Amino acid sequence: MHKRHGIGHTLESLSETVTRWTGGSAAFAAALGVIAIWACLGPVFRYSDTWQLVINTGTTVVTFLMVFLIQRTQNKDALAIHLKLNELVAALEGASNRLIEVEDLSEHELMVLRRHYQELVKLARNEVDLGHSHSVEEARHRHSHKQRVRTTGRRVDSAAGPAD
């Protein structure tokens, strides 16, 4: 890897450090401590508007910054997961490459794919071998073959194709 420089690298490094820290018990303990100190100072400041404004302003600023930090982390994690899944799909023989970069599809296209895979799930429920995986097209063919065998009572040679 090459060494990165600049403001982008500095911000990325800072956000990774803050993300790790804020996701831990120490950050929760620190937040709880701040709230406890603020609550204890209430009587000292006679529960004034300024006393309330301090906690409101502090929590608002922290929340505002955390929204961006969480979104950045989720974007990076989602990209990493997508890349790992794309690698798996690309490496598996017989896997469909249609879903690589699926996040670029429209919502309508995603719903079409969802229905496609829901059909696969329905067909797979009837499969005896739970470890067997196949495409929707293979599942349809196998399912219609099974239905013909059940209806006609005679076995059809699947290698030769369905017999009518």
N, C-alpha and C. Protein backbone atom coordinates (compact mmCIF):
# COMPACT_ATOMS: atom_id res chain seq x y z
N MET A 1 0.84 -1.18 0.00
CA MET A 1 0.00 0.00 0.00
C MET A 1 0.88 1.24 0.00
N HIS A 2 0.38 2.27 -0.66
CA HIS A 2 1.13 3.51 -0.67
C HIS A 2 0.63 4.43 0.44
N LYS A 3 1.51 5.31 0.88
CA LYS A 3 1.18 6.21 1.97
C LYS A 3 0.31 7.35 1.44
N ARG A 4 -0.79 7.63 2.16
CA ARG A 4 -1.71 8.68 1.73
C ARG A 4 -1.45 9.94 2.54
N HIS A 5 -1.67 11.07 1.90
CA HIS A 5 -1.47 12.36 2.56
C HIS A 5 -2.68 13.24 2.29
N GLY A 6 -2.76 14.34 2.99
CA GLY A 6 -3.77 15.34 2.70
C GLY A 6 -4.91 15.33 3.70
N ILE A 7 -5.80 16.29 3.49
CA ILE A 7 -6.93 16.48 4.40
C ILE A 7 -7.87 15.29 4.37
N GLY A 8 -8.07 14.70 3.19
CA GLY A 8 -8.95 13.54 3.08
C GLY A 8 -8.48 12.39 3.94
N HIS A 9 -7.18 12.12 3.90
CA HIS A 9 -6.61 11.04 4.70
C HIS A 9 -6.73 11.37 6.19
N THR A 10 -6.47 12.62 6.55
CA THR A 10 -6.55 13.03 7.95
C THR A 10 -7.98 12.87 8.48
N LEU A 11 -8.96 13.32 7.70
CA LEU A 11 -10.35 13.19 8.12
C LEU A 11 -10.78 11.72 8.20
N GLU A 12 -10.33 10.92 7.24
CA GLU A 12 -10.66 9.50 7.27
C GLU A 12 -10.07 8.83 8.49
N SER A 13 -8.82 9.13 8.78
CA SER A 13 -8.15 8.56 9.95
C SER A 13 -8.85 8.99 11.25
N LEU A 14 -9.19 10.28 11.32
CA LEU A 14 -9.88 10.80 12.50
C LEU A 14 -11.24 10.13 12.67
N SER A 15 -11.99 10.02 11.58
CA SER A 15 -13.33 9.44 11.68
C SER A 15 -13.25 7.96 12.05
N GLU A 16 -12.26 7.23 11.56
CA GLU A 16 -12.10 5.83 11.95
C GLU A 16 -11.79 5.70 13.43
N THR A 17 -10.92 6.59 13.94
CA THR A 17 -10.57 6.57 15.36
C THR A 17 -11.79 6.90 16.22
N VAL A 18 -12.52 7.95 15.83
CA VAL A 18 -13.71 8.35 16.59
C VAL A 18 -14.77 7.25 16.53
N THR A 19 -14.94 6.63 15.37
CA THR A 19 -15.92 5.55 15.23
C THR A 19 -15.60 4.39 16.16
N ARG A 20 -14.34 4.00 16.19
CA ARG A 20 -13.93 2.90 17.09
C ARG A 20 -14.19 3.28 18.55
N TRP A 21 -13.83 4.51 18.93
CA TRP A 21 -13.99 4.93 20.31
C TRP A 21 -15.46 5.06 20.69
N THR A 22 -16.27 5.70 19.85
CA THR A 22 -17.67 5.93 20.20
C THR A 22 -18.48 4.64 20.22
N GLY A 23 -17.99 3.60 19.57
CA GLY A 23 -18.69 2.32 19.58
C GLY A 23 -18.35 1.47 20.79
N GLY A 24 -17.55 1.97 21.69
CA GLY A 24 -17.12 1.18 22.84
C GLY A 24 -17.77 1.60 24.14
N SER A 25 -17.47 0.84 25.17
CA SER A 25 -18.02 1.09 26.50
C SER A 25 -17.50 2.38 27.11
N ALA A 26 -16.27 2.75 26.79
CA ALA A 26 -15.69 3.98 27.36
C ALA A 26 -16.48 5.20 26.91
N ALA A 27 -16.94 5.22 25.67
CA ALA A 27 -17.73 6.36 25.17
C ALA A 27 -19.07 6.43 25.89
N PHE A 28 -19.69 5.29 26.10
CA PHE A 28 -20.96 5.27 26.82
C PHE A 28 -20.77 5.76 28.25
N ALA A 29 -19.71 5.29 28.89
CA ALA A 29 -19.41 5.70 30.26
C ALA A 29 -19.14 7.21 30.31
N ALA A 30 -18.42 7.73 29.33
CA ALA A 30 -18.14 9.17 29.29
C ALA A 30 -19.43 9.97 29.12
N ALA A 31 -20.32 9.53 28.23
CA ALA A 31 -21.60 10.22 28.02
C ALA A 31 -22.44 10.18 29.29
N LEU A 32 -22.47 9.02 29.92
CA LEU A 32 -23.21 8.88 31.17
C LEU A 32 -22.63 9.80 32.25
N GLY A 33 -21.30 9.90 32.28
CA GLY A 33 -20.62 10.78 33.24
C GLY A 33 -20.97 12.24 33.00
N VAL A 34 -21.00 12.66 31.75
CA VAL A 34 -21.35 14.05 31.41
C VAL A 34 -22.77 14.36 31.87
N ILE A 35 -23.69 13.43 31.62
CA ILE A 35 -25.08 13.62 32.04
C ILE A 35 -25.18 13.68 33.56
N ALA A 36 -24.44 12.83 34.25
CA ALA A 36 -24.47 12.82 35.72
C ALA A 36 -23.94 14.14 36.28
N ILE A 37 -22.83 14.61 35.73
CA ILE A 37 -22.26 15.89 36.19
C ILE A 37 -23.24 17.03 35.92
N TRP A 38 -23.82 17.04 34.72
CA TRP A 38 -24.80 18.08 34.37
C TRP A 38 -25.99 18.04 35.35
N ALA A 39 -26.48 16.86 35.65
CA ALA A 39 -27.62 16.73 36.57
C ALA A 39 -27.25 17.21 37.98
N CYS A 40 -26.04 16.87 38.42
CA CYS A 40 -25.60 17.30 39.76
C CYS A 40 -25.42 18.82 39.84
N LEU A 41 -25.08 19.45 38.72
CA LEU A 41 -24.90 20.90 38.70
C LEU A 41 -26.22 21.66 38.61
N GLY A 42 -27.31 20.96 38.41
CA GLY A 42 -28.62 21.60 38.32
C GLY A 42 -28.93 22.50 39.51
N PRO A 43 -28.83 21.97 40.74
CA PRO A 43 -29.12 22.84 41.90
C PRO A 43 -28.16 24.03 42.02
N VAL A 44 -26.89 23.83 41.65
CA VAL A 44 -25.91 24.92 41.73
C VAL A 44 -26.34 26.08 40.83
N PHE A 45 -26.82 25.75 39.62
CA PHE A 45 -27.23 26.78 38.67
C PHE A 45 -28.74 27.05 38.73
N ARG A 46 -29.39 26.54 39.80
CA ARG A 46 -30.82 26.74 40.05
C ARG A 46 -31.67 26.32 38.84
N TYR A 47 -31.24 25.27 38.20
CA TYR A 47 -31.97 24.70 37.05
C TYR A 47 -32.36 25.78 36.03
N SER A 48 -31.43 26.68 35.79
CA SER A 48 -31.69 27.84 34.93
C SER A 48 -31.80 27.43 33.46
N ASP A 49 -32.24 28.40 32.68
CA ASP A 49 -32.33 28.18 31.23
C ASP A 49 -30.94 27.91 30.65
N THR A 50 -29.94 28.60 31.16
CA THR A 50 -28.57 28.40 30.68
C THR A 50 -28.10 26.98 30.99
N TRP A 51 -28.42 26.51 32.18
CA TRP A 51 -28.06 25.13 32.57
C TRP A 51 -28.69 24.13 31.59
N GLN A 52 -29.94 24.31 31.23
CA GLN A 52 -30.61 23.44 30.27
C GLN A 52 -30.05 23.61 28.86
N LEU A 53 -29.73 24.84 28.50
CA LEU A 53 -29.19 25.13 27.17
C LEU A 53 -27.86 24.44 26.94
N VAL A 54 -27.05 24.33 27.99
CA VAL A 54 -25.74 23.68 27.87
C VAL A 54 -25.90 22.24 27.39
N ILE A 55 -26.77 21.47 28.05
CA ILE A 55 -26.93 20.06 27.68
C ILE A 55 -27.61 19.94 26.32
N ASN A 56 -28.60 20.82 26.06
CA ASN A 56 -29.29 20.76 24.77
C ASN A 56 -28.34 21.06 23.61
N THR A 57 -27.52 22.08 23.77
CA THR A 57 -26.57 22.44 22.72
C THR A 57 -25.52 21.34 22.54
N GLY A 58 -25.00 20.84 23.65
CA GLY A 58 -23.99 19.79 23.57
C GLY A 58 -24.51 18.53 22.88
N THR A 59 -25.69 18.08 23.27
CA THR A 59 -26.24 16.87 22.66
C THR A 59 -26.61 17.09 21.20
N THR A 60 -27.06 18.30 20.86
CA THR A 60 -27.40 18.61 19.47
C THR A 60 -26.16 18.57 18.59
N VAL A 61 -25.07 19.17 19.05
CA VAL A 61 -23.83 19.18 18.28
C VAL A 61 -23.29 17.77 18.11
N VAL A 62 -23.28 17.00 19.19
CA VAL A 62 -22.78 15.62 19.12
C VAL A 62 -23.65 14.80 18.17
N THR A 63 -24.95 14.94 18.27
CA THR A 63 -25.87 14.20 17.39
C THR A 63 -25.65 14.58 15.94
N PHE A 64 -25.51 15.86 15.66
CA PHE A 64 -25.27 16.35 14.30
C PHE A 64 -24.02 15.72 13.70
N LEU A 65 -22.93 15.72 14.46
CA LEU A 65 -21.68 15.13 13.97
C LEU A 65 -21.77 13.61 13.83
N MET A 66 -22.46 12.97 14.78
CA MET A 66 -22.57 11.51 14.75
C MET A 66 -23.38 11.02 13.55
N VAL A 67 -24.37 11.80 13.11
CA VAL A 67 -25.14 11.41 11.92
C VAL A 67 -24.21 11.22 10.73
N PHE A 68 -23.31 12.17 10.51
CA PHE A 68 -22.38 12.07 9.39
C PHE A 68 -21.37 10.95 9.59
N LEU A 69 -20.92 10.80 10.81
CA LEU A 69 -19.96 9.74 11.11
C LEU A 69 -20.58 8.36 10.89
N ILE A 70 -21.81 8.18 11.36
CA ILE A 70 -22.49 6.90 11.19
C ILE A 70 -22.75 6.64 9.71
N GLN A 71 -23.19 7.66 8.97
CA GLN A 71 -23.44 7.48 7.54
C GLN A 71 -22.17 7.11 6.79
N ARG A 72 -21.07 7.75 7.13
CA ARG A 72 -19.78 7.45 6.49
C ARG A 72 -19.39 6.00 6.76
N THR A 73 -19.54 5.57 8.02
CA THR A 73 -19.20 4.21 8.40
C THR A 73 -20.09 3.21 7.68
N GLN A 74 -21.39 3.49 7.61
CA GLN A 74 -22.31 2.58 6.92
C GLN A 74 -21.99 2.50 5.44
N ASN A 75 -21.69 3.62 4.82
CA ASN A 75 -21.33 3.62 3.40
C ASN A 75 -20.10 2.77 3.14
N LYS A 76 -19.08 2.96 3.99
CA LYS A 76 -17.84 2.21 3.81
C LYS A 76 -18.07 0.72 4.05
N ASP A 77 -18.81 0.38 5.11
CA ASP A 77 -19.10 -1.03 5.40
C ASP A 77 -19.93 -1.67 4.29
N ALA A 78 -20.93 -0.95 3.80
CA ALA A 78 -21.77 -1.48 2.72
C ALA A 78 -20.94 -1.72 1.47
N LEU A 79 -20.07 -0.80 1.14
CA LEU A 79 -19.21 -0.97 -0.03
C LEU A 79 -18.30 -2.18 0.13
N ALA A 80 -17.71 -2.33 1.32
CA ALA A 80 -16.83 -3.48 1.58
C ALA A 80 -17.60 -4.79 1.46
N ILE A 81 -18.81 -4.84 2.01
CA ILE A 81 -19.62 -6.06 1.92
C ILE A 81 -19.99 -6.35 0.48
N HIS A 82 -20.39 -5.32 -0.27
CA HIS A 82 -20.74 -5.52 -1.68
C HIS A 82 -19.56 -6.06 -2.47
N LEU A 83 -18.37 -5.51 -2.21
CA LEU A 83 -17.19 -5.98 -2.92
C LEU A 83 -16.87 -7.43 -2.58
N LYS A 84 -17.04 -7.79 -1.31
CA LYS A 84 -16.80 -9.18 -0.91
C LYS A 84 -17.81 -10.11 -1.56
N LEU A 85 -19.08 -9.71 -1.58
CA LEU A 85 -20.10 -10.52 -2.22
C LEU A 85 -19.86 -10.63 -3.73
N ASN A 86 -19.46 -9.51 -4.35
CA ASN A 86 -19.14 -9.55 -5.78
C ASN A 86 -18.00 -10.53 -6.06
N GLU A 87 -17.02 -10.55 -5.18
CA GLU A 87 -15.89 -11.49 -5.35
C GLU A 87 -16.39 -12.92 -5.25
N LEU A 88 -17.27 -13.19 -4.30
CA LEU A 88 -17.82 -14.55 -4.16
C LEU A 88 -18.62 -14.95 -5.39
N VAL A 89 -19.47 -14.05 -5.87
CA VAL A 89 -20.26 -14.35 -7.05
C VAL A 89 -19.36 -14.59 -8.25
N ALA A 90 -18.34 -13.77 -8.40
CA ALA A 90 -17.42 -13.91 -9.54
C ALA A 90 -16.63 -15.21 -9.44
N ALA A 91 -16.36 -15.67 -8.22
CA ALA A 91 -15.52 -16.86 -8.05
C ALA A 91 -16.30 -18.17 -8.16
N LEU A 92 -17.63 -18.13 -7.93
CA LEU A 92 -18.41 -19.35 -7.94
C LEU A 92 -18.82 -19.74 -9.35
N GLU A 93 -18.49 -20.95 -9.71
CA GLU A 93 -18.87 -21.46 -11.02
C GLU A 93 -20.39 -21.63 -11.05
N GLY A 94 -21.01 -21.14 -12.10
CA GLY A 94 -22.44 -21.28 -12.25
C GLY A 94 -23.24 -20.18 -11.58
N ALA A 95 -22.58 -19.32 -10.82
CA ALA A 95 -23.31 -18.22 -10.15
C ALA A 95 -23.67 -17.16 -11.18
N SER A 96 -24.80 -16.52 -10.97
CA SER A 96 -25.23 -15.47 -11.88
C SER A 96 -24.50 -14.18 -11.58
N ASN A 97 -23.93 -13.58 -12.60
CA ASN A 97 -23.24 -12.29 -12.43
C ASN A 97 -24.21 -11.12 -12.59
N ARG A 98 -25.51 -11.41 -12.75
CA ARG A 98 -26.50 -10.35 -12.92
C ARG A 98 -26.57 -9.44 -11.71
N LEU A 99 -26.19 -9.94 -10.55
CA LEU A 99 -26.38 -9.15 -9.34
C LEU A 99 -25.15 -8.35 -8.93
N ILE A 100 -24.08 -8.44 -9.68
CA ILE A 100 -22.93 -7.59 -9.37
C ILE A 100 -23.33 -6.16 -9.70
N GLU A 101 -23.10 -5.27 -8.78
CA GLU A 101 -23.48 -3.86 -8.88
C GLU A 101 -24.99 -3.69 -8.88
N VAL A 102 -25.68 -4.53 -8.11
CA VAL A 102 -27.14 -4.46 -8.01
C VAL A 102 -27.59 -3.17 -7.35
N GLU A 103 -26.74 -2.55 -6.56
CA GLU A 103 -27.13 -1.31 -5.87
C GLU A 103 -27.35 -0.16 -6.85
N ASP A 104 -26.92 -0.31 -8.10
CA ASP A 104 -27.14 0.73 -9.11
C ASP A 104 -28.50 0.60 -9.78
N LEU A 105 -29.24 -0.47 -9.48
CA LEU A 105 -30.55 -0.68 -10.09
C LEU A 105 -31.59 0.23 -9.45
N SER A 106 -32.65 0.49 -10.21
CA SER A 106 -33.75 1.29 -9.67
C SER A 106 -34.54 0.45 -8.66
N GLU A 107 -35.39 1.11 -7.90
CA GLU A 107 -36.21 0.39 -6.93
C GLU A 107 -37.12 -0.61 -7.63
N HIS A 108 -37.67 -0.22 -8.79
CA HIS A 108 -38.53 -1.13 -9.56
C HIS A 108 -37.74 -2.37 -9.99
N GLU A 109 -36.53 -2.16 -10.50
CA GLU A 109 -35.71 -3.30 -10.93
C GLU A 109 -35.36 -4.22 -9.75
N LEU A 110 -35.11 -3.62 -8.58
CA LEU A 110 -34.84 -4.43 -7.40
C LEU A 110 -36.06 -5.26 -7.00
N MET A 111 -37.24 -4.69 -7.12
CA MET A 111 -38.46 -5.43 -6.79
C MET A 111 -38.69 -6.58 -7.78
N VAL A 112 -38.34 -6.37 -9.05
CA VAL A 112 -38.45 -7.45 -10.04
C VAL A 112 -37.51 -8.59 -9.65
N LEU A 113 -36.29 -8.25 -9.27
CA LEU A 113 -35.33 -9.28 -8.84
C LEU A 113 -35.81 -9.96 -7.57
N ARG A 114 -36.39 -9.21 -6.67
CA ARG A 114 -36.90 -9.79 -5.42
C ARG A 114 -37.97 -10.83 -5.72
N ARG A 115 -38.90 -10.49 -6.61
CA ARG A 115 -39.94 -11.47 -7.00
C ARG A 115 -39.32 -12.70 -7.65
N HIS A 116 -38.30 -12.48 -8.45
CA HIS A 116 -37.58 -13.57 -9.10
C HIS A 116 -37.03 -14.55 -8.06
N TYR A 117 -36.40 -14.01 -7.03
CA TYR A 117 -35.81 -14.86 -6.00
C TYR A 117 -36.84 -15.42 -5.04
N GLN A 118 -37.95 -14.72 -4.86
CA GLN A 118 -39.03 -15.28 -4.06
C GLN A 118 -39.59 -16.53 -4.74
N GLU A 119 -39.66 -16.49 -6.06
CA GLU A 119 -40.11 -17.67 -6.81
C GLU A 119 -39.13 -18.82 -6.60
N LEU A 120 -37.85 -18.52 -6.61
CA LEU A 120 -36.83 -19.54 -6.37
C LEU A 120 -37.01 -20.16 -4.99
N VAL A 121 -37.31 -19.34 -3.99
CA VAL A 121 -37.52 -19.84 -2.63
C VAL A 121 -38.72 -20.78 -2.61
N LYS A 122 -39.81 -20.39 -3.27
CA LYS A 122 -41.00 -21.25 -3.32
C LYS A 122 -40.67 -22.60 -3.94
N LEU A 123 -39.93 -22.58 -5.03
CA LEU A 123 -39.57 -23.83 -5.70
C LEU A 123 -38.59 -24.65 -4.86
N ALA A 124 -37.70 -23.97 -4.17
CA ALA A 124 -36.69 -24.68 -3.37
C ALA A 124 -37.30 -25.35 -2.15
N ARG A 125 -38.43 -24.84 -1.68
CA ARG A 125 -39.08 -25.47 -0.52
C ARG A 125 -39.45 -26.92 -0.79
N ASN A 126 -39.72 -27.23 -2.04
CA ASN A 126 -40.10 -28.59 -2.43
C ASN A 126 -38.88 -29.48 -2.68
N GLU A 127 -37.70 -28.91 -2.64
CA GLU A 127 -36.46 -29.64 -2.92
C GLU A 127 -36.13 -30.55 -1.74
N VAL A 128 -35.78 -31.79 -2.02
CA VAL A 128 -35.43 -32.75 -0.97
C VAL A 128 -34.05 -32.45 -0.41
N ASP A 129 -33.10 -32.17 -1.29
CA ASP A 129 -31.72 -31.89 -0.90
C ASP A 129 -31.60 -30.41 -0.55
N LEU A 130 -31.53 -30.08 0.75
CA LEU A 130 -31.47 -28.68 1.17
C LEU A 130 -30.19 -27.98 0.76
N GLY A 131 -29.13 -28.73 0.51
CA GLY A 131 -27.86 -28.14 0.14
C GLY A 131 -27.74 -27.85 -1.34
N HIS A 132 -28.71 -28.29 -2.12
CA HIS A 132 -28.64 -28.11 -3.57
C HIS A 132 -29.02 -26.68 -3.94
N SER A 133 -28.25 -26.07 -4.80
CA SER A 133 -28.52 -24.71 -5.24
C SER A 133 -28.67 -24.70 -6.75
N HIS A 134 -29.56 -23.86 -7.24
CA HIS A 134 -29.77 -23.79 -8.68
C HIS A 134 -30.39 -22.47 -9.05
N SER A 135 -30.44 -22.22 -10.35
CA SER A 135 -31.04 -20.98 -10.83
C SER A 135 -32.55 -21.13 -10.86
N VAL A 136 -33.24 -20.01 -11.03
CA VAL A 136 -34.69 -20.06 -11.12
C VAL A 136 -35.10 -20.89 -12.33
N GLU A 137 -34.37 -20.72 -13.44
CA GLU A 137 -34.71 -21.46 -14.65
C GLU A 137 -34.57 -22.96 -14.40
N GLU A 138 -33.48 -23.38 -13.75
CA GLU A 138 -33.30 -24.80 -13.43
C GLU A 138 -34.38 -25.27 -12.47
N ALA A 139 -34.71 -24.44 -11.50
CA ALA A 139 -35.73 -24.81 -10.52
C ALA A 139 -37.09 -24.97 -11.19
N ARG A 140 -37.43 -24.07 -12.11
CA ARG A 140 -38.70 -24.18 -12.83
C ARG A 140 -38.75 -25.49 -13.62
N HIS A 141 -37.67 -25.77 -14.34
CA HIS A 141 -37.61 -26.99 -15.15
C HIS A 141 -37.76 -28.23 -14.25
N ARG A 142 -36.99 -28.25 -13.16
CA ARG A 142 -37.04 -29.40 -12.26
C ARG A 142 -38.42 -29.53 -11.62
N HIS A 143 -39.01 -28.40 -11.24
CA HIS A 143 -40.33 -28.42 -10.61
C HIS A 143 -41.39 -28.92 -11.60
N SER A 144 -41.37 -28.42 -12.84
CA SER A 144 -42.36 -28.89 -13.82
C SER A 144 -42.15 -30.36 -14.13
N HIS A 145 -40.89 -30.81 -14.13
CA HIS A 145 -40.60 -32.23 -14.34
C HIS A 145 -41.22 -33.07 -13.23
N LYS A 146 -41.04 -32.63 -11.99
CA LYS A 146 -41.62 -33.35 -10.84
C LYS A 146 -43.14 -33.38 -10.92
N GLN A 147 -43.72 -32.24 -11.31
CA GLN A 147 -45.17 -32.18 -11.42
C GLN A 147 -45.69 -33.16 -12.47
N ARG A 148 -44.98 -33.26 -13.61
CA ARG A 148 -45.40 -34.21 -14.65
C ARG A 148 -45.29 -35.64 -14.17
N VAL A 149 -44.23 -35.94 -13.43
CA VAL A 149 -44.05 -37.30 -12.91
C VAL A 149 -45.19 -37.63 -11.95
N ARG A 150 -45.52 -36.67 -11.08
CA ARG A 150 -46.60 -36.90 -10.12
C ARG A 150 -47.95 -37.08 -10.83
N THR A 151 -48.18 -36.28 -11.87
CA THR A 151 -49.48 -36.33 -12.56
C THR A 151 -49.60 -37.56 -13.45
N THR A 152 -48.57 -37.85 -14.20
CA THR A 152 -48.65 -38.97 -15.15
C THR A 152 -48.29 -40.29 -14.50
N GLY A 153 -47.54 -40.23 -13.43
CA GLY A 153 -47.13 -41.46 -12.78
C GLY A 153 -45.98 -42.16 -13.49
N ARG A 154 -45.41 -41.52 -14.51
CA ARG A 154 -44.26 -42.13 -15.20
C ARG A 154 -43.07 -41.19 -15.14
N ARG A 155 -41.92 -41.79 -15.06
CA ARG A 155 -40.67 -41.05 -14.95
C ARG A 155 -40.30 -40.48 -16.31
N VAL A 156 -39.83 -39.25 -16.33
CA VAL A 156 -39.39 -38.61 -17.55
C VAL A 156 -37.90 -38.43 -17.44
N ASP A 157 -37.17 -38.79 -18.48
CA ASP A 157 -35.71 -38.65 -18.48
C ASP A 157 -35.36 -37.19 -18.60
N SER A 158 -34.81 -36.63 -17.49
CA SER A 158 -34.52 -35.19 -17.46
C SER A 158 -33.36 -34.83 -18.38
N ALA A 159 -32.46 -35.77 -18.67
CA ALA A 159 -31.33 -35.47 -19.56
C ALA A 159 -31.82 -35.29 -20.98
N ALA A 160 -32.84 -36.05 -21.36
CA ALA A 160 -33.37 -35.96 -22.72
C ALA A 160 -34.37 -34.84 -22.84
N GLY A 161 -34.78 -34.28 -21.70
CA GLY A 161 -35.76 -33.21 -21.73
C GLY A 161 -37.13 -33.76 -21.37
N PRO A 162 -38.05 -32.90 -21.13
CA PRO A 162 -39.37 -33.36 -20.73
C PRO A 162 -40.11 -34.04 -21.87
N ALA A 163 -40.80 -35.11 -21.53
CA ALA A 163 -41.60 -35.83 -22.52
C ALA A 163 -43.05 -35.44 -22.35
N ASP A 164 -43.76 -35.27 -23.43
CA ASP A 164 -45.18 -34.90 -23.37
C ASP A 164 -46.07 -36.04 -23.64
